[in-house]
């Protein structure tokens, strides 16, 4: 969606995002608000947007999911 984001640990549960790389992750209300303010920086917004897009493509693209499914099938057939 090309939108940088701030989330909680519950919001990314099961997803291996890295706080400060693709997004901000915090459970502290004051830090959450501070991280939202940090996103006023256009360079940071762009970095997070690019990082999150690359992360999603490398983990959840059709080709990656197909490869993972094929690996599971191969393991089952062994």
C-alpha atoms as a PDB file:
ATOM      1  CA  UNK A   1       0.000   0.000   0.000  1.00  0.00           C
ATOM      2  CA  UNK A   2       3.092   2.247   0.153  1.00  0.00           C
ATOM      3  CA  UNK A   3       2.198   3.576   3.585  1.00  0.00           C
ATOM      4  CA  UNK A   4       4.831   3.620   6.342  1.00  0.00           C
ATOM      5  CA  UNK A   5       3.520   2.340   9.642  1.00  0.00           C
ATOM      6  CA  UNK A   6       3.900   2.193  13.396  1.00  0.00           C
ATOM      7  CA  UNK A   7       2.526  -0.896  15.093  1.00  0.00           C
ATOM      8  CA  UNK A   8       2.613  -2.945  18.269  1.00  0.00           C
ATOM      9  CA  UNK A   9       4.232  -6.323  18.855  1.00  0.00           C
ATOM     10  CA  UNK A  10       0.748  -7.854  18.568  1.00  0.00           C
ATOM     11  CA  UNK A  11       0.248  -6.086  15.229  1.00  0.00           C
ATOM     12  CA  UNK A  12       3.240  -7.871  13.712  1.00  0.00           C
ATOM     13  CA  UNK A  13       2.934 -11.114  15.643  1.00  0.00           C
ATOM     14  CA  UNK A  14       4.205 -13.909  13.434  1.00  0.00           C
ATOM     15  CA  UNK A  15       5.714 -11.475  10.920  1.00  0.00           C
ATOM     16  CA  UNK A  16       9.474 -10.973  11.102  1.00  0.00           C
ATOM     17  CA  UNK A  17       9.492  -7.190  10.623  1.00  0.00           C
ATOM     18  CA  UNK A  18      12.385  -5.309  12.217  1.00  0.00           C
ATOM     19  CA  UNK A  19      11.617  -2.120  14.124  1.00  0.00           C
ATOM     20  CA  UNK A  20      13.510   0.777  12.619  1.00  0.00           C
ATOM     21  CA  UNK A  21      14.039  -1.020   9.318  1.00  0.00           C
ATOM     22  CA  UNK A  22      10.611  -1.525   7.715  1.00  0.00           C
ATOM     23  CA  UNK A  23       8.454   0.115  10.387  1.00  0.00           C
ATOM     24  CA  UNK A  24       8.399   1.102  14.052  1.00  0.00           C
ATOM     25  CA  UNK A  25       7.263  -1.523  16.564  1.00  0.00           C
ATOM     26  CA  UNK A  26       6.493  -0.488  20.118  1.00  0.00           C
ATOM     27  CA  UNK A  27       4.064  -1.287  22.911  1.00  0.00           C
ATOM     28  CA  UNK A  28       4.722   1.962  24.800  1.00  0.00           C
ATOM     29  CA  UNK A  29       2.047   4.639  24.147  1.00  0.00           C
ATOM     30  CA  UNK A  30       4.466   7.583  24.389  1.00  0.00           C
ATOM     31  CA  UNK A  31       6.983   5.911  22.099  1.00  0.00           C
ATOM     32  CA  UNK A  32       4.177   5.028  19.675  1.00  0.00           C
ATOM     33  CA  UNK A  33       3.178   8.705  19.456  1.00  0.00           C
ATOM     34  CA  UNK A  34       6.825   9.755  19.123  1.00  0.00           C
ATOM     35  CA  UNK A  35       7.369   7.250  16.307  1.00  0.00           C
ATOM     36  CA  UNK A  36       4.340   8.613  14.445  1.00  0.00           C
ATOM     37  CA  UNK A  37       5.869  12.101  14.704  1.00  0.00           C
ATOM     38  CA  UNK A  38       9.160  10.759  13.342  1.00  0.00           C
ATOM     39  CA  UNK A  39       7.314   9.764  10.178  1.00  0.00           C
ATOM     40  CA  UNK A  40       7.021  13.461   9.315  1.00  0.00           C
ATOM     41  CA  UNK A  41      10.522  13.011   7.849  1.00  0.00           C
ATOM     42  CA  UNK A  42      10.071  12.327   4.099  1.00  0.00           C
ATOM     43  CA  UNK A  43      13.332  10.354   3.876  1.00  0.00           C
ATOM     44  CA  UNK A  44      12.292   8.064   6.732  1.00  0.00           C
ATOM     45  CA  UNK A  45       8.845   7.547   5.202  1.00  0.00           C
ATOM     46  CA  UNK A  46      10.431   6.619   1.892  1.00  0.00           C
ATOM     47  CA  UNK A  47      12.931   4.263   3.546  1.00  0.00           C
ATOM     48  CA  UNK A  48      10.174   2.491   5.508  1.00  0.00           C
ATOM     49  CA  UNK A  49       7.933   2.276   2.443  1.00  0.00           C
ATOM     50  CA  UNK A  50      10.707   0.743   0.327  1.00  0.00           C
ATOM     51  CA  UNK A  51      11.814  -1.542   3.154  1.00  0.00           C
ATOM     52  CA  UNK A  52       8.308  -2.833   3.863  1.00  0.00           C
ATOM     53  CA  UNK A  53       7.594  -3.386   0.170  1.00  0.00           C
ATOM     54  CA  UNK A  54      10.842  -5.303  -0.290  1.00  0.00           C
ATOM     55  CA  UNK A  55      10.113  -7.336   2.849  1.00  0.00           C
ATOM     56  CA  UNK A  56       6.626  -8.303   1.667  1.00  0.00           C
ATOM     57  CA  UNK A  57       7.847  -9.195  -1.821  1.00  0.00           C
ATOM     58  CA  UNK A  58      10.710 -11.303  -0.480  1.00  0.00           C
ATOM     59  CA  UNK A  59       8.505 -13.191   2.003  1.00  0.00           C
ATOM     60  CA  UNK A  60       5.000 -13.245   0.541  1.00  0.00           C
ATOM     61  CA  UNK A  61       5.102 -12.817  -3.235  1.00  0.00           C
ATOM     62  CA  UNK A  62       3.304 -15.391  -5.345  1.00  0.00           C
ATOM     63  CA  UNK A  63       6.610 -16.964  -6.419  1.00  0.00           C
ATOM     64  CA  UNK A  64       7.889 -17.234  -2.838  1.00  0.00           C
ATOM     65  CA  UNK A  65       4.630 -18.731  -1.584  1.00  0.00           C
ATOM     66  CA  UNK A  66       4.583 -21.188  -4.498  1.00  0.00           C
ATOM     67  CA  UNK A  67       8.168 -22.235  -3.720  1.00  0.00           C
ATOM     68  CA  UNK A  68       7.288 -22.721  -0.053  1.00  0.00           C
ATOM     69  CA  UNK A  69       4.244 -24.818  -0.974  1.00  0.00           C
ATOM     70  CA  UNK A  70       6.328 -26.915  -3.373  1.00  0.00           C
ATOM     71  CA  UNK A  71       8.932 -27.468  -0.641  1.00  0.00           C
ATOM     72  CA  UNK A  72       6.214 -28.679   1.720  1.00  0.00           C
ATOM     73  CA  UNK A  73       4.901 -31.095  -0.901  1.00  0.00           C
ATOM     74  CA  UNK A  74       8.414 -32.406  -1.562  1.00  0.00           C
ATOM     75  CA  UNK A  75       8.945 -32.967   2.170  1.00  0.00           C
ATOM     76  CA  UNK A  76       5.660 -34.840   2.442  1.00  0.00           C
ATOM     77  CA  UNK A  77       6.539 -37.104  -0.485  1.00  0.00           C
ATOM     78  CA  UNK A  78       9.938 -38.073   0.956  1.00  0.00           C
END
